[in-house]
């Protein structure tokens, strides 16, 4: 990846958060120079002290609207949108079931290099969540769940009419649009991401209620029958329980009449041999 220009490649939407773990996790990495905070136009002054590019976004109210606006207004072919409360870790090569902290910012830049490399072959790229990643086989999984970080190939997205439609399940909805169109998504597993807490103050936690989750879960199940099951799970902060979904990702891809196929062996030789 060419880091010499300053046009943003990575966008971090944030709202009413005092602590942005994602920026702390990117500290020292070259990709930070290409990263922009996406904020409410009235909040720009509150975030200037972070010393990164600020993008005032007029589309507010829910994260899906912000993601749509970014897709419509990003000037390049590739972009990453990610949550503002992420931590990164690196899979250990001596024991691939375990992970370690990045030893230098170069390992963070390596992760983004791999994301943008994959985006030239598939239209949607993520990074594996740390929970359960000990059961993954590096370096890449396909046709699988991804959230918190979305790498997008915009020309392919526009050609297929994909967009962020859901209010709280926007990441699952978008991934299912991709898979049922016959395209694999690719989730990088040489690195992993996680959050300290779901439903922390600020961000989507300001409007994500169980009623809204139930409404969006039902809509997702109606839009993708046979692939989405509405379920009840333990609640997050401030919720007794929450309505969530279980998704059959590989079945969604198999339903398409045509399918892309990523050469995973190639990346295993490049990134894990």
Protein backbone atom coordinates (compact mmCIF):
# COMPACT_ATOMS: atom_id res chain seq x y z
CA UNK A 1 0.00 0.00 0.00
CA UNK A 2 1.22 3.49 -0.86
CA UNK A 3 1.14 5.60 2.31
CA UNK A 4 2.61 8.71 0.70
CA UNK A 5 -0.67 10.55 0.07
CA UNK A 6 -2.99 11.79 2.81
CA UNK A 7 -6.43 10.98 1.38
CA UNK A 8 -8.31 8.92 3.99
CA UNK A 9 -8.61 5.19 3.44
CA UNK A 10 -9.88 4.25 6.87
CA UNK A 11 -12.90 5.81 8.56
CA UNK A 12 -13.81 5.58 12.24
CA UNK A 13 -17.33 6.84 12.97
CA UNK A 14 -17.72 8.00 16.55
CA UNK A 15 -20.37 9.72 18.64
CA UNK A 16 -20.22 11.00 22.22
CA UNK A 17 -17.21 8.88 23.16
CA UNK A 18 -14.54 10.25 25.50
CA UNK A 19 -12.05 7.45 24.82
CA UNK A 20 -11.29 6.16 21.33
CA UNK A 21 -9.48 2.87 21.79
CA UNK A 22 -9.11 2.37 18.03
CA UNK A 23 -6.91 5.45 17.68
CA UNK A 24 -4.80 4.31 20.60
CA UNK A 25 -4.42 0.90 18.94
CA UNK A 26 -3.25 2.59 15.71
CA UNK A 27 -0.66 4.78 17.44
CA UNK A 28 2.64 4.83 15.54
CA UNK A 29 1.27 2.99 12.50
CA UNK A 30 1.51 4.61 9.06
CA UNK A 31 -2.16 3.87 8.43
CA UNK A 32 -3.05 6.43 11.09
CA UNK A 33 -2.02 9.12 8.57
CA UNK A 34 -4.76 7.79 6.28
CA UNK A 35 -7.39 7.45 9.02
CA UNK A 36 -10.25 9.88 9.61
CA UNK A 37 -12.68 10.28 12.47
CA UNK A 38 -16.26 10.66 11.25
CA UNK A 39 -18.28 12.89 13.59
CA UNK A 40 -21.42 14.96 13.84
CA UNK A 41 -20.79 18.38 12.23
CA UNK A 42 -21.49 20.11 15.55
CA UNK A 43 -18.90 17.99 17.35
CA UNK A 44 -15.84 18.67 15.20
CA UNK A 45 -14.13 20.88 17.78
CA UNK A 46 -14.48 18.15 20.41
CA UNK A 47 -12.27 15.79 18.41
CA UNK A 48 -9.62 18.08 16.94
CA UNK A 49 -7.23 17.30 19.82
CA UNK A 50 -6.79 13.76 18.49
CA UNK A 51 -4.65 15.14 15.67
CA UNK A 52 -6.20 13.10 12.86
CA UNK A 53 -8.34 14.06 9.88
CA UNK A 54 -11.92 14.93 10.88
CA UNK A 55 -14.78 14.24 8.47
CA UNK A 56 -18.03 16.00 9.44
CA UNK A 57 -20.90 13.72 8.39
CA UNK A 58 -24.33 15.28 7.86
CA UNK A 59 -26.02 11.86 7.91
CA UNK A 60 -26.73 11.16 11.56
CA UNK A 61 -29.20 9.24 13.67
CA UNK A 62 -27.91 5.68 13.23
CA UNK A 63 -24.70 4.03 12.08
CA UNK A 64 -26.15 2.58 8.88
CA UNK A 65 -26.86 6.10 7.58
CA UNK A 66 -23.29 7.16 8.34
CA UNK A 67 -21.89 4.10 6.55
CA UNK A 68 -24.06 4.82 3.49
CA UNK A 69 -22.89 8.43 3.38
CA UNK A 70 -19.25 7.35 3.57
CA UNK A 71 -19.72 4.89 0.70
CA UNK A 72 -21.35 7.61 -1.41
CA UNK A 73 -18.67 10.22 -0.68
CA UNK A 74 -15.38 8.32 -0.52
CA UNK A 75 -13.36 9.34 -3.62
CA UNK A 76 -11.42 6.09 -4.09
CA UNK A 77 -12.23 2.48 -4.98
CA UNK A 78 -11.36 0.92 -1.60
CA UNK A 79 -12.08 1.90 1.96
CA UNK A 80 -12.24 0.52 5.51
CA UNK A 81 -14.90 1.45 8.05
CA UNK A 82 -14.31 0.30 11.61
CA UNK A 83 -15.62 0.78 15.12
CA UNK A 84 -14.04 3.29 17.49
CA UNK A 85 -13.33 0.87 20.36
CA UNK A 86 -11.11 -1.82 18.83
CA UNK A 87 -8.00 -3.61 20.06
CA UNK A 88 -5.74 -5.64 17.78
CA UNK A 89 -3.72 -8.78 18.38
CA UNK A 90 -1.50 -11.02 16.23
CA UNK A 91 -1.74 -14.78 15.90
CA UNK A 92 1.33 -16.58 17.22
CA UNK A 93 3.12 -18.69 14.65
CA UNK A 94 4.66 -20.98 17.28
CA UNK A 95 1.16 -21.77 18.62
CA UNK A 96 -1.60 -20.65 16.22
CA UNK A 97 -4.28 -21.19 18.86
CA UNK A 98 -2.89 -18.25 20.84
CA UNK A 99 -2.43 -14.53 20.25
CA UNK A 100 -0.05 -11.80 21.35
CA UNK A 101 0.05 -8.04 21.43
CA UNK A 102 1.55 -6.38 18.34
CA UNK A 103 5.29 -6.01 18.82
CA UNK A 104 5.47 -2.86 16.70
CA UNK A 105 3.17 -0.58 14.67
CA UNK A 106 4.52 -2.32 11.55
CA UNK A 107 2.36 -5.32 12.41
CA UNK A 108 -0.72 -3.10 12.34
CA UNK A 109 0.29 -1.73 8.94
CA UNK A 110 0.83 -5.32 7.82
CA UNK A 111 -2.78 -6.09 8.75
CA UNK A 112 -4.08 -3.20 6.66
CA UNK A 113 -1.80 -4.09 3.75
CA UNK A 114 -3.39 -7.54 3.74
CA UNK A 115 -6.92 -6.09 3.93
CA UNK A 116 -6.33 -3.90 0.88
CA UNK A 117 -4.63 -6.76 -0.98
CA UNK A 118 -7.68 -8.97 -0.44
CA UNK A 119 -10.02 -6.17 -1.57
CA UNK A 120 -8.60 -6.48 -5.06
CA UNK A 121 -10.03 -10.01 -5.21
CA UNK A 122 -13.17 -9.95 -3.06
CA UNK A 123 -15.61 -7.10 -2.42
CA UNK A 124 -15.82 -7.37 1.37
CA UNK A 125 -12.96 -7.98 3.82
CA UNK A 126 -12.88 -8.17 7.61
CA UNK A 127 -10.63 -9.21 10.47
CA UNK A 128 -11.49 -12.17 12.70
CA UNK A 129 -12.99 -11.49 16.10
CA UNK A 130 -10.70 -12.79 18.80
CA UNK A 131 -13.41 -14.81 20.53
CA UNK A 132 -13.35 -18.28 19.01
CA UNK A 133 -10.46 -17.45 16.69
CA UNK A 134 -8.33 -20.13 18.34
CA UNK A 135 -10.39 -22.59 16.27
CA UNK A 136 -9.66 -20.78 12.98
CA UNK A 137 -7.10 -21.84 10.42
CA UNK A 138 -4.91 -18.96 9.20
CA UNK A 139 -4.61 -16.90 7.14
CA UNK A 140 -8.12 -16.31 5.69
CA UNK A 141 -11.69 -17.54 6.16
CA UNK A 142 -14.41 -17.02 3.55
CA UNK A 143 -18.22 -16.88 3.62
CA UNK A 144 -18.29 -16.17 7.33
CA UNK A 145 -19.41 -13.66 9.92
CA UNK A 146 -17.67 -10.31 10.11
CA UNK A 147 -18.39 -7.19 12.10
CA UNK A 148 -16.65 -4.20 13.69
CA UNK A 149 -14.41 -3.75 10.61
CA UNK A 150 -15.58 -3.68 7.00
CA UNK A 151 -13.19 -3.30 4.07
CA UNK A 152 -15.15 -2.40 0.94
CA UNK A 153 -14.52 -2.63 -2.79
CA UNK A 154 -16.78 0.22 -3.90
CA UNK A 155 -16.97 -0.37 -7.68
CA UNK A 156 -18.25 -3.92 -7.10
CA UNK A 157 -20.63 -2.71 -4.38
CA UNK A 158 -22.11 -0.05 -6.65
CA UNK A 159 -22.43 -2.44 -9.58
CA UNK A 160 -24.49 -4.79 -7.40
CA UNK A 161 -26.49 -2.16 -5.51
CA UNK A 162 -25.27 -3.19 -2.05
CA UNK A 163 -25.74 -0.68 0.74
CA UNK A 164 -26.08 -0.47 4.50
CA UNK A 165 -29.82 -0.72 5.14
CA UNK A 166 -30.29 -2.00 8.69
CA UNK A 167 -30.14 0.20 11.77
CA UNK A 168 -28.38 -2.16 14.21
CA UNK A 169 -27.61 -5.24 12.09
CA UNK A 170 -26.12 -3.24 9.24
CA UNK A 171 -22.93 -5.33 9.14
CA UNK A 172 -24.79 -8.67 8.93
CA UNK A 173 -27.26 -7.31 6.37
CA UNK A 174 -24.46 -6.03 4.14
CA UNK A 175 -22.52 -9.30 4.36
CA UNK A 176 -25.63 -11.28 3.41
CA UNK A 177 -26.21 -9.03 0.39
CA UNK A 178 -22.67 -9.87 -0.76
CA UNK A 179 -22.94 -13.62 -0.17
CA UNK A 180 -26.36 -14.07 -1.77
CA UNK A 181 -25.03 -12.24 -4.84
CA UNK A 182 -22.45 -15.02 -5.23
CA UNK A 183 -19.40 -13.22 -3.85
CA UNK A 184 -17.30 -14.49 -0.99
CA UNK A 185 -16.26 -12.22 1.80
CA UNK A 186 -12.77 -12.76 3.21
CA UNK A 187 -11.92 -12.49 6.91
CA UNK A 188 -8.25 -12.15 7.78
CA UNK A 189 -7.22 -14.44 10.65
CA UNK A 190 -3.50 -13.70 10.97
CA UNK A 191 -4.65 -10.77 13.10
CA UNK A 192 -7.71 -10.44 15.33
CA UNK A 193 -9.85 -7.66 16.80
CA UNK A 194 -11.96 -7.31 19.90
CA UNK A 195 -13.75 -4.77 22.09
CA UNK A 196 -13.71 -4.25 25.83
CA UNK A 197 -17.51 -4.16 26.04
CA UNK A 198 -20.62 -4.18 23.87
CA UNK A 199 -23.19 -1.44 24.49
CA UNK A 200 -20.68 0.88 26.16
CA UNK A 201 -21.82 4.52 26.58
CA UNK A 202 -21.88 6.58 23.39
CA UNK A 203 -21.96 5.35 19.81
CA UNK A 204 -24.72 2.91 18.92
CA UNK A 205 -25.20 2.28 22.64
CA UNK A 206 -27.07 5.59 22.69
CA UNK A 207 -29.98 4.24 20.63
CA UNK A 208 -29.66 0.43 20.43
CA UNK A 209 -32.53 -0.96 22.50
CA UNK A 210 -33.91 -4.47 22.54
CA UNK A 211 -37.07 -3.23 20.80
CA UNK A 212 -34.98 -1.86 17.96
CA UNK A 213 -32.88 -5.03 17.81
CA UNK A 214 -36.07 -7.14 17.67
CA UNK A 215 -37.45 -5.02 14.83
CA UNK A 216 -34.23 -5.19 12.82
CA UNK A 217 -33.72 -8.91 13.52
CA UNK A 218 -37.19 -9.70 12.17
CA UNK A 219 -36.56 -7.57 9.09
CA UNK A 220 -33.24 -9.32 8.48
CA UNK A 221 -34.92 -12.72 8.74
CA UNK A 222 -37.63 -11.62 6.30
CA UNK A 223 -35.07 -10.31 3.81
CA UNK A 224 -32.97 -13.49 3.99
CA UNK A 225 -35.36 -16.37 4.72
CA UNK A 226 -33.65 -19.69 5.32
CA UNK A 227 -30.38 -18.08 6.40
CA UNK A 228 -31.36 -16.02 9.46
CA UNK A 229 -32.95 -17.25 12.69
CA UNK A 230 -34.14 -14.79 15.34
CA UNK A 231 -33.00 -15.80 18.83
CA UNK A 232 -32.94 -14.47 22.38
CA UNK A 233 -29.59 -13.99 24.12
CA UNK A 234 -28.27 -12.58 27.38
CA UNK A 235 -28.49 -8.81 27.55
CA UNK A 236 -25.68 -6.28 27.37
CA UNK A 237 -25.31 -3.27 29.66
CA UNK A 238 -28.78 -1.95 30.53
CA UNK A 239 -30.63 -4.86 28.89
CA UNK A 240 -32.22 -7.84 30.64
CA UNK A 241 -32.00 -9.74 27.36
CA UNK A 242 -31.51 -8.95 23.71
CA UNK A 243 -32.98 -10.15 20.45
CA UNK A 244 -30.23 -11.33 18.14
CA UNK A 245 -29.77 -13.56 15.09
CA UNK A 246 -27.99 -16.73 14.09
CA UNK A 247 -26.89 -16.71 10.46
CA UNK A 248 -26.01 -19.52 8.04
CA UNK A 249 -23.28 -17.69 6.13
CA UNK A 250 -22.05 -20.53 3.93
CA UNK A 251 -25.61 -21.56 3.06
CA UNK A 252 -26.26 -17.98 1.94
CA UNK A 253 -23.31 -18.15 -0.47
CA UNK A 254 -24.34 -21.61 -1.70
CA UNK A 255 -27.77 -20.23 -2.64
CA UNK A 256 -26.28 -18.05 -5.38
CA UNK A 257 -26.17 -19.34 -8.93
CA UNK A 258 -22.63 -18.07 -9.48
CA UNK A 259 -19.88 -17.95 -6.91
CA UNK A 260 -16.42 -16.44 -6.61
CA UNK A 261 -13.62 -18.51 -5.14
CA UNK A 262 -10.60 -17.04 -3.37
CA UNK A 263 -7.33 -18.97 -3.67
CA UNK A 264 -6.69 -19.37 0.06
CA UNK A 265 -3.65 -21.58 -0.53
CA UNK A 266 -1.92 -18.65 -2.25
CA UNK A 267 -2.29 -16.47 0.84
CA UNK A 268 -1.26 -19.30 3.13
CA UNK A 269 2.00 -19.51 1.20
CA UNK A 270 2.43 -15.71 1.28
CA UNK A 271 1.39 -14.98 4.86
CA UNK A 272 1.75 -18.13 6.91
CA UNK A 273 4.25 -20.57 5.42
